[in-house]
Amino acid sequence: MIEIALTFAIGCYGVALAMNLWRITIGPHAADRILALDTMVINIIALLVLFGISLGTKTYHEAAMLVAMVGFVSTVAYCRFVLRGDIIE
């Protein structure tokens, strides 16, 4: 039963990633693209955790932590660049 639930969840997050990619390419404003990028990072983290659960390894959980840290920093940097025009003051 857990295999079916994991497969369903991976499929749902895969569809969500495709929708995020569509919003990044079509998004009319920069704010839409930033939110889609942040949501894409969250979906990638969820997919990594689900893969780690399904394969029974801790490597994917460590990769999810790294993606979370890099995703947060990149989202903040991109927001600062859009709002101020530079990243470092």
Protein backbone atom coordinates (compact mmCIF):
# COMPACT_ATOMS: atom_id res chain seq x y z
CA MET A 1 0.00 0.00 0.00
CA ILE A 2 2.81 2.43 0.80
CA GLU A 3 4.32 1.84 -2.65
CA ILE A 4 1.08 2.95 -4.29
CA ALA A 5 0.92 6.07 -2.12
CA LEU A 6 4.55 6.92 -2.89
CA THR A 7 4.02 6.44 -6.62
CA PHE A 8 0.92 8.64 -6.54
CA ALA A 9 2.71 11.35 -4.55
CA ILE A 10 5.72 11.31 -6.88
CA GLY A 11 3.39 11.64 -9.86
CA CYS A 12 1.55 14.57 -8.27
CA TYR A 13 4.77 16.39 -7.47
CA GLY A 14 5.99 15.72 -11.02
CA VAL A 15 2.86 17.38 -12.40
CA ALA A 16 3.35 20.28 -9.98
CA LEU A 17 6.94 20.70 -11.24
CA ALA A 18 5.66 20.87 -14.82
CA MET A 19 3.14 23.54 -13.81
CA ASN A 20 5.87 25.52 -12.06
CA LEU A 21 8.05 25.33 -15.14
CA TRP A 22 5.15 26.61 -17.22
CA ARG A 23 4.67 29.55 -14.83
CA ILE A 24 8.37 30.38 -14.95
CA THR A 25 8.38 30.54 -18.75
CA ILE A 26 4.98 32.20 -19.24
CA GLY A 27 4.71 34.29 -16.04
CA PRO A 28 3.84 37.88 -16.91
CA HIS A 29 5.73 39.49 -14.02
CA ALA A 30 9.00 38.91 -12.21
CA ALA A 31 7.13 38.26 -8.96
CA ASP A 32 5.28 35.35 -10.60
CA ARG A 33 8.59 33.87 -11.70
CA ILE A 34 10.11 34.25 -8.24
CA LEU A 35 7.15 32.53 -6.57
CA ALA A 36 7.21 29.73 -9.15
CA LEU A 37 10.93 29.23 -8.60
CA ASP A 38 10.46 29.06 -4.84
CA THR A 39 7.58 26.61 -5.21
CA MET A 40 9.69 24.53 -7.60
CA VAL A 41 12.42 24.26 -4.97
CA ILE A 42 9.87 23.09 -2.41
CA ASN A 43 8.54 20.48 -4.85
CA ILE A 44 12.06 19.24 -5.60
CA ILE A 45 12.71 18.88 -1.87
CA ALA A 46 9.51 16.86 -1.50
CA LEU A 47 10.47 14.64 -4.45
CA LEU A 48 13.90 13.98 -2.97
CA VAL A 49 12.37 13.00 0.36
CA LEU A 50 9.86 10.72 -1.37
CA PHE A 51 12.63 9.06 -3.38
CA GLY A 52 14.60 8.59 -0.16
CA ILE A 53 11.62 6.93 1.50
CA SER A 54 10.90 4.68 -1.46
CA LEU A 55 14.52 3.56 -1.86
CA GLY A 56 15.24 3.37 1.86
CA THR A 57 18.41 5.46 1.77
CA LYS A 58 19.46 8.57 3.67
CA THR A 59 21.40 10.10 0.78
CA TYR A 60 18.30 11.70 -0.70
CA HIS A 61 17.42 13.30 2.63
CA GLU A 62 20.86 14.91 2.80
CA ALA A 63 20.46 16.12 -0.78
CA ALA A 64 17.08 17.61 0.17
CA MET A 65 18.74 19.59 2.96
CA LEU A 66 21.34 20.95 0.55
CA VAL A 67 18.68 21.90 -2.01
CA ALA A 68 16.70 23.64 0.75
CA MET A 69 19.68 25.76 1.78
CA VAL A 70 20.65 26.68 -1.77
CA GLY A 71 17.02 27.32 -2.72
CA PHE A 72 16.49 29.74 0.15
CA VAL A 73 19.63 31.70 -0.63
CA SER A 74 18.85 31.85 -4.36
CA THR A 75 15.29 33.05 -3.75
CA VAL A 76 16.46 35.81 -1.42
CA ALA A 77 19.20 36.86 -3.85
CA TYR A 78 16.81 36.94 -6.80
CA CYS A 79 14.28 39.02 -4.82
CA ARG A 80 16.96 41.48 -3.79
CA PHE A 81 18.15 41.77 -7.38
CA VAL A 82 14.63 42.46 -8.67
CA LEU A 83 13.83 44.99 -5.93
CA ARG A 84 17.16 46.86 -5.71
CA GLY A 85 19.07 46.05 -8.87
CA ASP A 86 22.04 44.62 -6.99
CA ILE A 87 22.61 41.77 -4.58
CA ILE A 88 25.50 43.07 -2.46
CA GLU A 89 25.31 46.55 -1.02
